[in-house]
Amino acid sequence: MPRTLILGSTSPYRRELLGRLRLPFEVVSPAVDETPRPGEAPADLARRLALAKAHAVAARQPDAVVIGSDQVADLGGEPLGKPGDHARATEQLRRMRGRSVVFQTAVAVVCHATGFEQLDLAPVRVAFRDLTDAEIEAYLRAEQPYDCAGSARSEGLGIALLDAIESDDPTALVGLPLIRTCRLLRAAGLLVP
């Protein structure tokens, strides 16, 4: 009997991305504390949280195959998470303007019943334009990306903030690297078209 697939996330972006695979899945909130540890590197934070989210849900549903994912913007080694409000989003974008930022997107797949656990990281290098304060304000008023790492919603108006994107997994910037996710789901024994 095929195992239930669960996305351990409250992100509507990840839900939409996983839906592209046309696999039946459920969504369960992982309820994980996303506070960075002192001195924790952005990539390490993303990996730790992706795995924690998958395990938090798998602990409640051990027979399911669970996907956990997390994204952290890496500004010169400093983690930038979700801003939460307008003032913090403004500050993040001012700091990123004219700079290169690496969005570290981790994905984990876990099944407690089979002992399966794999984790992968999809870094995406993004070059931000040298944004004016007026451009930042107009973008934030239009998009309100307060639930996006680094305040950048690239699948919307945020694409206009950028000069370039470098990635081998194009959906990673939106929040779920589908190429890597498919690879992990196949390794877990799921049939992915």
N, C-alpha and C. Protein backbone atom coordinates (compact mmCIF):
# COMPACT_ATOMS: atom_id res chain seq x y z
N MET A 1 0.85 -1.19 0.00
CA MET A 1 0.00 0.00 0.00
C MET A 1 0.89 1.24 0.00
N PRO A 2 0.60 2.20 -0.88
CA PRO A 2 1.43 3.40 -0.93
C PRO A 2 1.31 4.23 0.35
N ARG A 3 2.40 4.84 0.73
CA ARG A 3 2.43 5.67 1.93
C ARG A 3 1.84 7.03 1.63
N THR A 4 1.23 7.63 2.66
CA THR A 4 0.71 9.00 2.56
C THR A 4 1.88 9.96 2.46
N LEU A 5 1.76 10.95 1.59
CA LEU A 5 2.76 11.99 1.46
C LEU A 5 2.24 13.23 2.19
N ILE A 6 3.08 13.79 3.05
CA ILE A 6 2.69 14.97 3.82
C ILE A 6 3.73 16.07 3.62
N LEU A 7 3.25 17.27 3.39
CA LEU A 7 4.10 18.45 3.37
C LEU A 7 4.03 19.08 4.74
N GLY A 8 5.14 19.08 5.45
CA GLY A 8 5.19 19.66 6.78
C GLY A 8 5.49 21.15 6.68
N SER A 9 4.45 21.93 6.38
CA SER A 9 4.66 23.35 6.13
C SER A 9 3.33 24.09 6.18
N THR A 10 3.40 25.36 6.55
CA THR A 10 2.21 26.22 6.46
C THR A 10 2.34 27.18 5.28
N SER A 11 3.40 27.04 4.49
CA SER A 11 3.66 27.96 3.38
C SER A 11 2.75 27.68 2.18
N PRO A 12 1.98 28.68 1.75
CA PRO A 12 1.17 28.49 0.55
C PRO A 12 2.03 28.34 -0.70
N TYR A 13 3.24 28.89 -0.68
CA TYR A 13 4.15 28.80 -1.83
C TYR A 13 4.64 27.36 -2.00
N ARG A 14 5.01 26.73 -0.89
CA ARG A 14 5.46 25.34 -0.96
C ARG A 14 4.31 24.42 -1.36
N ARG A 15 3.14 24.70 -0.85
CA ARG A 15 1.97 23.89 -1.21
C ARG A 15 1.72 23.96 -2.72
N GLU A 16 1.78 25.16 -3.26
CA GLU A 16 1.56 25.33 -4.70
C GLU A 16 2.64 24.61 -5.51
N LEU A 17 3.89 24.75 -5.08
CA LEU A 17 4.98 24.09 -5.80
C LEU A 17 4.83 22.57 -5.77
N LEU A 18 4.58 22.00 -4.60
CA LEU A 18 4.43 20.54 -4.51
C LEU A 18 3.25 20.07 -5.35
N GLY A 19 2.21 20.88 -5.45
CA GLY A 19 1.06 20.54 -6.28
C GLY A 19 1.41 20.34 -7.74
N ARG A 20 2.48 20.94 -8.20
CA ARG A 20 2.92 20.78 -9.59
C ARG A 20 3.26 19.33 -9.92
N LEU A 21 3.64 18.56 -8.91
CA LEU A 21 4.04 17.17 -9.14
C LEU A 21 2.85 16.24 -9.32
N ARG A 22 1.66 16.74 -9.05
CA ARG A 22 0.41 15.98 -9.22
C ARG A 22 0.38 14.69 -8.41
N LEU A 23 1.00 14.76 -7.25
CA LEU A 23 0.94 13.65 -6.30
C LEU A 23 -0.07 14.01 -5.23
N PRO A 24 -0.87 13.06 -4.77
CA PRO A 24 -1.76 13.38 -3.65
C PRO A 24 -0.94 13.61 -2.39
N PHE A 25 -1.25 14.68 -1.67
CA PHE A 25 -0.53 14.96 -0.43
C PHE A 25 -1.41 15.73 0.52
N GLU A 26 -1.04 15.64 1.79
CA GLU A 26 -1.70 16.39 2.85
C GLU A 26 -0.75 17.46 3.33
N VAL A 27 -1.28 18.46 4.00
CA VAL A 27 -0.46 19.52 4.58
C VAL A 27 -0.69 19.53 6.08
N VAL A 28 0.42 19.52 6.83
CA VAL A 28 0.35 19.53 8.29
C VAL A 28 1.34 20.57 8.80
N SER A 29 0.91 21.40 9.71
CA SER A 29 1.80 22.39 10.30
C SER A 29 2.83 21.70 11.19
N PRO A 30 4.12 22.00 11.00
CA PRO A 30 5.13 21.33 11.81
C PRO A 30 5.33 21.94 13.20
N ALA A 31 4.91 23.18 13.40
CA ALA A 31 5.05 23.86 14.70
C ALA A 31 6.47 23.74 15.27
N VAL A 32 7.43 24.27 14.53
CA VAL A 32 8.83 24.21 14.92
C VAL A 32 9.33 25.63 15.21
N ASP A 33 10.10 25.79 16.26
CA ASP A 33 10.71 27.07 16.58
C ASP A 33 11.81 27.35 15.55
N GLU A 34 11.70 28.47 14.84
CA GLU A 34 12.64 28.78 13.76
C GLU A 34 13.74 29.76 14.19
N THR A 35 13.92 29.94 15.48
CA THR A 35 14.94 30.86 15.98
C THR A 35 16.34 30.34 15.66
N PRO A 36 17.18 31.16 15.03
CA PRO A 36 18.56 30.72 14.78
C PRO A 36 19.33 30.55 16.08
N ARG A 37 20.25 29.62 16.07
CA ARG A 37 21.15 29.43 17.21
C ARG A 37 22.30 30.43 17.09
N PRO A 38 22.87 30.86 18.19
CA PRO A 38 23.98 31.82 18.12
C PRO A 38 25.10 31.31 17.22
N GLY A 39 25.50 32.14 16.25
CA GLY A 39 26.59 31.80 15.35
C GLY A 39 26.25 30.78 14.27
N GLU A 40 24.99 30.38 14.18
CA GLU A 40 24.59 29.36 13.20
C GLU A 40 24.63 29.94 11.78
N ALA A 41 25.33 29.28 10.89
CA ALA A 41 25.43 29.71 9.50
C ALA A 41 24.07 29.54 8.81
N PRO A 42 23.75 30.42 7.85
CA PRO A 42 22.45 30.33 7.17
C PRO A 42 22.16 28.96 6.55
N ALA A 43 23.13 28.35 5.90
CA ALA A 43 22.90 27.03 5.30
C ALA A 43 22.62 25.99 6.37
N ASP A 44 23.34 26.06 7.48
CA ASP A 44 23.12 25.12 8.58
C ASP A 44 21.75 25.32 9.20
N LEU A 45 21.33 26.56 9.33
CA LEU A 45 20.00 26.86 9.86
C LEU A 45 18.91 26.30 8.96
N ALA A 46 19.04 26.51 7.66
CA ALA A 46 18.04 26.00 6.72
C ALA A 46 17.96 24.48 6.78
N ARG A 47 19.12 23.82 6.82
CA ARG A 47 19.13 22.34 6.90
C ARG A 47 18.51 21.86 8.21
N ARG A 48 18.90 22.48 9.32
CA ARG A 48 18.37 22.06 10.63
C ARG A 48 16.86 22.19 10.69
N LEU A 49 16.35 23.33 10.20
CA LEU A 49 14.91 23.57 10.26
C LEU A 49 14.13 22.66 9.31
N ALA A 50 14.66 22.40 8.13
CA ALA A 50 13.98 21.50 7.19
C ALA A 50 13.83 20.12 7.82
N LEU A 51 14.90 19.63 8.42
CA LEU A 51 14.87 18.32 9.05
C LEU A 51 13.97 18.32 10.28
N ALA A 52 14.02 19.37 11.07
CA ALA A 52 13.17 19.47 12.27
C ALA A 52 11.69 19.47 11.89
N LYS A 53 11.35 20.18 10.83
CA LYS A 53 9.95 20.23 10.38
C LYS A 53 9.48 18.85 9.93
N ALA A 54 10.31 18.16 9.16
CA ALA A 54 9.93 16.82 8.69
C ALA A 54 9.76 15.86 9.87
N HIS A 55 10.71 15.89 10.81
CA HIS A 55 10.62 14.99 11.97
C HIS A 55 9.45 15.34 12.89
N ALA A 56 9.13 16.62 13.03
CA ALA A 56 8.02 17.02 13.89
C ALA A 56 6.70 16.42 13.40
N VAL A 57 6.52 16.42 12.10
CA VAL A 57 5.28 15.87 11.53
C VAL A 57 5.35 14.34 11.51
N ALA A 58 6.50 13.78 11.15
CA ALA A 58 6.64 12.32 11.10
C ALA A 58 6.46 11.68 12.47
N ALA A 59 6.81 12.40 13.53
CA ALA A 59 6.61 11.86 14.87
C ALA A 59 5.13 11.63 15.16
N ARG A 60 4.27 12.46 14.56
CA ARG A 60 2.82 12.31 14.74
C ARG A 60 2.21 11.33 13.74
N GLN A 61 2.87 11.17 12.59
CA GLN A 61 2.36 10.28 11.54
C GLN A 61 3.53 9.44 11.01
N PRO A 62 3.95 8.44 11.79
CA PRO A 62 5.18 7.70 11.46
C PRO A 62 5.12 6.88 10.18
N ASP A 63 3.95 6.54 9.69
CA ASP A 63 3.86 5.75 8.46
C ASP A 63 3.93 6.62 7.20
N ALA A 64 3.84 7.91 7.35
CA ALA A 64 3.83 8.81 6.20
C ALA A 64 5.25 9.17 5.75
N VAL A 65 5.35 9.57 4.49
CA VAL A 65 6.57 10.17 3.96
C VAL A 65 6.36 11.68 4.09
N VAL A 66 7.25 12.33 4.82
CA VAL A 66 7.06 13.74 5.16
C VAL A 66 8.16 14.60 4.55
N ILE A 67 7.73 15.70 3.94
CA ILE A 67 8.66 16.69 3.38
C ILE A 67 8.72 17.87 4.33
N GLY A 68 9.93 18.27 4.68
CA GLY A 68 10.15 19.51 5.43
C GLY A 68 11.07 20.39 4.61
N SER A 69 10.84 21.68 4.64
CA SER A 69 11.70 22.59 3.87
C SER A 69 11.82 23.91 4.61
N ASP A 70 12.95 24.58 4.38
CA ASP A 70 13.14 25.89 4.96
C ASP A 70 14.08 26.69 4.08
N GLN A 71 13.91 28.01 4.14
CA GLN A 71 14.75 28.90 3.34
C GLN A 71 15.26 30.04 4.22
N VAL A 72 16.54 30.33 4.07
CA VAL A 72 17.18 31.41 4.81
C VAL A 72 18.00 32.22 3.81
N ALA A 73 17.82 33.52 3.81
CA ALA A 73 18.65 34.38 2.98
C ALA A 73 19.98 34.59 3.68
N ASP A 74 21.06 34.42 2.91
CA ASP A 74 22.42 34.51 3.43
C ASP A 74 23.08 35.78 2.90
N LEU A 75 23.18 36.77 3.76
CA LEU A 75 23.80 38.04 3.40
C LEU A 75 25.18 38.09 4.03
N GLY A 76 26.17 37.64 3.28
CA GLY A 76 27.54 37.65 3.79
C GLY A 76 27.72 36.83 5.05
N GLY A 77 27.00 35.72 5.16
CA GLY A 77 27.12 34.86 6.33
C GLY A 77 26.10 35.14 7.43
N GLU A 78 25.34 36.21 7.27
CA GLU A 78 24.30 36.55 8.25
C GLU A 78 22.94 36.04 7.77
N PRO A 79 22.23 35.29 8.61
CA PRO A 79 20.92 34.80 8.19
C PRO A 79 19.84 35.89 8.24
N LEU A 80 19.08 35.98 7.15
CA LEU A 80 17.92 36.86 7.11
C LEU A 80 16.70 35.99 6.89
N GLY A 81 15.80 35.98 7.83
CA GLY A 81 14.59 35.18 7.71
C GLY A 81 13.42 36.01 7.22
N LYS A 82 12.24 35.60 7.63
CA LYS A 82 11.02 36.33 7.27
C LYS A 82 10.99 37.62 8.09
N PRO A 83 10.75 38.76 7.43
CA PRO A 83 10.80 40.02 8.18
C PRO A 83 9.64 40.21 9.15
N GLY A 84 8.45 39.73 8.77
CA GLY A 84 7.30 39.85 9.67
C GLY A 84 6.56 41.16 9.59
N ASP A 85 7.26 42.26 9.28
CA ASP A 85 6.57 43.55 9.20
C ASP A 85 7.29 44.48 8.21
N HIS A 86 6.66 45.62 7.95
CA HIS A 86 7.13 46.57 6.94
C HIS A 86 8.50 47.15 7.30
N ALA A 87 8.69 47.54 8.55
CA ALA A 87 9.95 48.16 8.95
C ALA A 87 11.13 47.21 8.78
N ARG A 88 10.97 45.96 9.19
CA ARG A 88 12.06 44.99 9.05
C ARG A 88 12.30 44.64 7.59
N ALA A 89 11.24 44.58 6.79
CA ALA A 89 11.39 44.30 5.36
C ALA A 89 12.16 45.43 4.68
N THR A 90 11.85 46.67 5.04
CA THR A 90 12.57 47.83 4.49
C THR A 90 14.05 47.74 4.83
N GLU A 91 14.34 47.42 6.08
CA GLU A 91 15.73 47.33 6.52
C GLU A 91 16.46 46.21 5.78
N GLN A 92 15.81 45.05 5.60
CA GLN A 92 16.44 43.94 4.88
C GLN A 92 16.77 44.34 3.44
N LEU A 93 15.81 44.93 2.75
CA LEU A 93 16.03 45.28 1.35
C LEU A 93 17.07 46.38 1.19
N ARG A 94 17.12 47.32 2.10
CA ARG A 94 18.17 48.35 2.05
C ARG A 94 19.55 47.70 2.18
N ARG A 95 19.66 46.73 3.04
CA ARG A 95 20.95 46.06 3.25
C ARG A 95 21.34 45.19 2.06
N MET A 96 20.36 44.67 1.32
CA MET A 96 20.65 43.77 0.20
C MET A 96 20.85 44.50 -1.12
N ARG A 97 20.45 45.75 -1.21
CA ARG A 97 20.53 46.44 -2.50
C ARG A 97 21.98 46.53 -2.99
N GLY A 98 22.12 46.22 -4.29
CA GLY A 98 23.43 46.25 -4.92
C GLY A 98 24.35 45.12 -4.52
N ARG A 99 23.83 44.13 -3.81
CA ARG A 99 24.65 43.03 -3.30
C ARG A 99 24.17 41.68 -3.82
N SER A 100 25.03 40.72 -3.67
CA SER A 100 24.69 39.34 -3.99
C SER A 100 24.27 38.64 -2.70
N VAL A 101 23.16 37.93 -2.77
CA VAL A 101 22.60 37.22 -1.62
C VAL A 101 22.38 35.77 -2.04
N VAL A 102 22.72 34.84 -1.17
CA VAL A 102 22.47 33.42 -1.45
C VAL A 102 21.26 32.98 -0.63
N PHE A 103 20.22 32.55 -1.32
CA PHE A 103 19.05 32.00 -0.65
C PHE A 103 19.30 30.51 -0.48
N GLN A 104 19.46 30.09 0.78
CA GLN A 104 19.74 28.70 1.12
C GLN A 104 18.41 28.00 1.35
N THR A 105 18.04 27.10 0.43
CA THR A 105 16.77 26.38 0.55
C THR A 105 17.06 24.90 0.77
N ALA A 106 16.67 24.41 1.93
CA ALA A 106 16.89 23.01 2.28
C ALA A 106 15.59 22.24 2.18
N VAL A 107 15.70 20.97 1.81
CA VAL A 107 14.54 20.08 1.78
C VAL A 107 14.95 18.75 2.42
N ALA A 108 14.07 18.25 3.27
CA ALA A 108 14.29 16.96 3.93
C ALA A 108 13.08 16.07 3.67
N VAL A 109 13.35 14.78 3.51
CA VAL A 109 12.27 13.79 3.39
C VAL A 109 12.55 12.71 4.43
N VAL A 110 11.51 12.43 5.22
CA VAL A 110 11.63 11.53 6.37
C VAL A 110 10.45 10.58 6.40
N CYS A 111 10.69 9.33 6.75
CA CYS A 111 9.63 8.37 7.06
C CYS A 111 10.10 7.57 8.27
N HIS A 112 9.47 7.78 9.41
CA HIS A 112 9.90 7.10 10.63
C HIS A 112 9.69 5.59 10.54
N ALA A 113 8.62 5.13 9.88
CA ALA A 113 8.33 3.70 9.81
C ALA A 113 9.42 2.92 9.09
N THR A 114 10.02 3.53 8.07
CA THR A 114 11.05 2.84 7.30
C THR A 114 12.46 3.26 7.70
N GLY A 115 12.57 4.28 8.55
CA GLY A 115 13.88 4.79 8.93
C GLY A 115 14.52 5.67 7.86
N PHE A 116 13.74 6.07 6.87
CA PHE A 116 14.30 6.87 5.78
C PHE A 116 14.47 8.33 6.23
N GLU A 117 15.63 8.89 5.90
CA GLU A 117 15.90 10.29 6.17
C GLU A 117 16.96 10.77 5.19
N GLN A 118 16.61 11.73 4.36
CA GLN A 118 17.58 12.36 3.47
C GLN A 118 17.33 13.86 3.45
N LEU A 119 18.41 14.59 3.23
CA LEU A 119 18.39 16.05 3.28
C LEU A 119 19.24 16.59 2.14
N ASP A 120 18.80 17.67 1.52
CA ASP A 120 19.57 18.30 0.46
C ASP A 120 19.43 19.81 0.57
N LEU A 121 20.39 20.52 0.00
CA LEU A 121 20.40 21.97 0.04
C LEU A 121 20.53 22.51 -1.37
N ALA A 122 19.70 23.50 -1.70
CA ALA A 122 19.72 24.12 -3.02
C ALA A 122 20.01 25.61 -2.87
N PRO A 123 21.28 26.01 -2.95
CA PRO A 123 21.59 27.43 -2.85
C PRO A 123 21.26 28.15 -4.16
N VAL A 124 20.71 29.35 -4.02
CA VAL A 124 20.39 30.19 -5.18
C VAL A 124 21.05 31.55 -4.96
N ARG A 125 21.95 31.91 -5.88
CA ARG A 125 22.63 33.21 -5.79
C ARG A 125 21.80 34.24 -6.54
N VAL A 126 21.49 35.33 -5.85
CA VAL A 126 20.65 36.38 -6.42
C VAL A 126 21.41 37.70 -6.35
N ALA A 127 21.47 38.40 -7.47
CA ALA A 127 22.08 39.73 -7.50
C ALA A 127 20.95 40.76 -7.45
N PHE A 128 20.93 41.55 -6.39
CA PHE A 128 19.93 42.61 -6.25
C PHE A 128 20.40 43.87 -6.97
N ARG A 129 19.47 44.55 -7.59
CA ARG A 129 19.77 45.85 -8.19
C ARG A 129 20.09 46.85 -7.08
N ASP A 130 20.70 47.96 -7.43
CA ASP A 130 20.96 49.02 -6.45
C ASP A 130 19.66 49.81 -6.28
N LEU A 131 18.79 49.31 -5.45
CA LEU A 131 17.43 49.83 -5.30
C LEU A 131 17.40 51.18 -4.59
N THR A 132 16.52 52.04 -5.04
CA THR A 132 16.30 53.30 -4.34
C THR A 132 15.31 53.06 -3.20
N ASP A 133 15.27 53.96 -2.25
CA ASP A 133 14.29 53.85 -1.16
C ASP A 133 12.88 53.88 -1.72
N ALA A 134 12.64 54.68 -2.76
CA ALA A 134 11.31 54.76 -3.37
C ALA A 134 10.91 53.44 -4.01
N GLU A 135 11.87 52.76 -4.66
CA GLU A 135 11.57 51.46 -5.27
C GLU A 135 11.26 50.43 -4.19
N ILE A 136 12.02 50.45 -3.12
CA ILE A 136 11.77 49.52 -2.01
C ILE A 136 10.38 49.75 -1.43
N GLU A 137 10.04 50.99 -1.18
CA GLU A 137 8.73 51.32 -0.61
C GLU A 137 7.59 50.91 -1.53
N ALA A 138 7.73 51.20 -2.83
CA ALA A 138 6.69 50.84 -3.80
C ALA A 138 6.51 49.32 -3.85
N TYR A 139 7.62 48.60 -3.86
CA TYR A 139 7.56 47.14 -3.88
C TYR A 139 6.87 46.59 -2.63
N LEU A 140 7.27 47.08 -1.47
CA LEU A 140 6.69 46.58 -0.22
C LEU A 140 5.21 46.90 -0.11
N ARG A 141 4.80 48.07 -0.56
CA ARG A 141 3.37 48.43 -0.52
C ARG A 141 2.55 47.54 -1.45
N ALA A 142 3.13 47.20 -2.61
CA ALA A 142 2.41 46.39 -3.59
C ALA A 142 2.39 44.90 -3.22
N GLU A 143 3.53 44.40 -2.75
CA GLU A 143 3.69 42.95 -2.57
C GLU A 143 3.50 42.47 -1.14
N GLN A 144 3.87 43.26 -0.15
CA GLN A 144 3.80 42.89 1.27
C GLN A 144 4.40 41.49 1.53
N PRO A 145 5.69 41.33 1.22
CA PRO A 145 6.34 40.01 1.33
C PRO A 145 6.86 39.70 2.72
N TYR A 146 6.07 39.97 3.73
CA TYR A 146 6.54 39.86 5.11
C TYR A 146 6.71 38.42 5.58
N ASP A 147 6.21 37.47 4.77
CA ASP A 147 6.34 36.05 5.11
C ASP A 147 7.38 35.36 4.23
N CYS A 148 8.23 36.15 3.56
CA CYS A 148 9.25 35.61 2.65
C CYS A 148 10.65 35.90 3.18
N ALA A 149 11.51 34.90 3.15
CA ALA A 149 12.89 35.09 3.59
C ALA A 149 13.53 36.22 2.80
N GLY A 150 14.14 37.16 3.49
CA GLY A 150 14.80 38.27 2.83
C GLY A 150 13.87 39.25 2.14
N SER A 151 12.58 39.15 2.41
CA SER A 151 11.57 40.08 1.86
C SER A 151 11.47 40.04 0.35
N ALA A 152 11.95 38.97 -0.27
CA ALA A 152 11.97 38.91 -1.74
C ALA A 152 11.01 37.84 -2.25
N ARG A 153 9.92 38.25 -2.82
CA ARG A 153 8.94 37.32 -3.40
C ARG A 153 9.18 37.29 -4.92
N SER A 154 10.12 36.44 -5.32
CA SER A 154 10.56 36.40 -6.71
C SER A 154 9.49 35.93 -7.68
N GLU A 155 8.52 35.17 -7.20
CA GLU A 155 7.46 34.71 -8.09
C GLU A 155 6.43 35.80 -8.36
N GLY A 156 6.58 36.93 -7.71
CA GLY A 156 5.70 38.08 -7.94
C GLY A 156 6.53 39.27 -8.38
N LEU A 157 6.18 40.43 -7.87
CA LEU A 157 6.84 41.68 -8.24
C LEU A 157 8.31 41.72 -7.82
N GLY A 158 8.69 40.89 -6.89
CA GLY A 158 10.06 40.85 -6.41
C GLY A 158 11.08 40.57 -7.50
N ILE A 159 10.66 39.95 -8.60
CA ILE A 159 11.57 39.68 -9.70
C ILE A 159 12.15 40.98 -10.26
N ALA A 160 11.41 42.08 -10.14
CA ALA A 160 11.87 43.38 -10.64
C ALA A 160 12.99 43.97 -9.79
N LEU A 161 13.24 43.41 -8.62
CA LEU A 161 14.31 43.89 -7.74
C LEU A 161 15.68 43.33 -8.13
N LEU A 162 15.68 42.35 -9.03
CA LEU A 162 16.87 41.56 -9.27
C LEU A 162 17.54 41.86 -10.60
N ASP A 163 18.87 41.65 -10.61
CA ASP A 163 19.65 41.72 -11.85
C ASP A 163 19.89 40.33 -12.41
N ALA A 164 20.05 39.32 -11.54
CA ALA A 164 20.37 37.97 -12.01
C ALA A 164 20.04 36.94 -10.94
N ILE A 165 19.79 35.71 -11.41
CA ILE A 165 19.56 34.56 -10.54
C ILE A 165 20.41 33.41 -11.06
N GLU A 166 21.16 32.77 -10.17
CA GLU A 166 21.95 31.60 -10.54
C GLU A 166 21.51 30.42 -9.69
N SER A 167 21.04 29.35 -10.37
CA SER A 167 20.57 28.17 -9.63
C SER A 167 20.50 26.97 -10.56
N ASP A 168 20.69 25.78 -9.99
CA ASP A 168 20.48 24.56 -10.77
C ASP A 168 19.12 23.92 -10.43
N ASP A 169 18.33 24.59 -9.60
CA ASP A 169 17.00 24.09 -9.22
C ASP A 169 16.08 25.31 -9.13
N PRO A 170 15.47 25.71 -10.26
CA PRO A 170 14.81 27.01 -10.35
C PRO A 170 13.68 27.28 -9.36
N THR A 171 13.03 26.26 -8.84
CA THR A 171 11.95 26.50 -7.88
C THR A 171 12.47 26.72 -6.46
N ALA A 172 13.76 26.51 -6.26
CA ALA A 172 14.34 26.67 -4.93
C ALA A 172 14.15 28.09 -4.40
N LEU A 173 14.23 29.09 -5.27
CA LEU A 173 14.09 30.47 -4.81
C LEU A 173 12.69 30.75 -4.28
N VAL A 174 11.70 30.04 -4.79
CA VAL A 174 10.32 30.23 -4.32
C VAL A 174 10.10 29.51 -2.98
N GLY A 175 10.93 28.49 -2.68
CA GLY A 175 10.82 27.88 -1.36
C GLY A 175 10.82 26.37 -1.29
N LEU A 176 10.74 25.68 -2.44
CA LEU A 176 10.81 24.21 -2.44
C LEU A 176 11.53 23.77 -3.71
N PRO A 177 12.76 23.28 -3.59
CA PRO A 177 13.51 22.86 -4.78
C PRO A 177 12.95 21.55 -5.34
N LEU A 178 12.14 21.66 -6.38
CA LEU A 178 11.41 20.49 -6.87
C LEU A 178 12.31 19.42 -7.48
N ILE A 179 13.39 19.81 -8.12
CA ILE A 179 14.29 18.79 -8.69
C ILE A 179 14.84 17.92 -7.55
N ARG A 180 15.31 18.55 -6.50
CA ARG A 180 15.84 17.80 -5.36
C ARG A 180 14.73 17.05 -4.63
N THR A 181 13.56 17.67 -4.51
CA THR A 181 12.43 17.01 -3.85
C THR A 181 12.05 15.73 -4.58
N CYS A 182 11.98 15.78 -5.91
CA CYS A 182 11.66 14.58 -6.69
C CYS A 182 12.70 13.49 -6.45
N ARG A 183 13.97 13.88 -6.43
CA ARG A 183 15.05 12.91 -6.20
C ARG A 183 14.89 12.24 -4.82
N LEU A 184 14.58 13.03 -3.81
CA LEU A 184 14.43 12.48 -2.46
C LEU A 184 13.18 11.61 -2.35
N LEU A 185 12.10 12.02 -2.98
CA LEU A 185 10.87 11.21 -2.93
C LEU A 185 11.06 9.87 -3.63
N ARG A 186 11.78 9.85 -4.75
CA ARG A 186 12.07 8.58 -5.42
C ARG A 186 12.93 7.70 -4.51
N ALA A 187 13.91 8.29 -3.85
CA ALA A 187 14.77 7.53 -2.93
C ALA A 187 13.97 6.95 -1.78
N ALA A 188 12.90 7.64 -1.39
CA ALA A 188 12.03 7.18 -0.31
C ALA A 188 11.04 6.11 -0.78
N GLY A 189 11.03 5.83 -2.10
CA GLY A 189 10.18 4.77 -2.64
C GLY A 189 8.88 5.24 -3.25
N LEU A 190 8.69 6.56 -3.40
CA LEU A 190 7.48 7.05 -4.03
C LEU A 190 7.65 7.09 -5.54
N LEU A 191 6.57 6.83 -6.25
CA LEU A 191 6.57 6.90 -7.71
C LEU A 191 6.30 8.34 -8.10
N VAL A 192 7.30 9.00 -8.66
CA VAL A 192 7.16 10.39 -9.11
C VAL A 192 7.29 10.37 -10.62
N PRO A 193 6.29 10.89 -11.33
CA PRO A 193 6.35 10.83 -12.80
C PRO A 193 7.65 11.42 -13.35
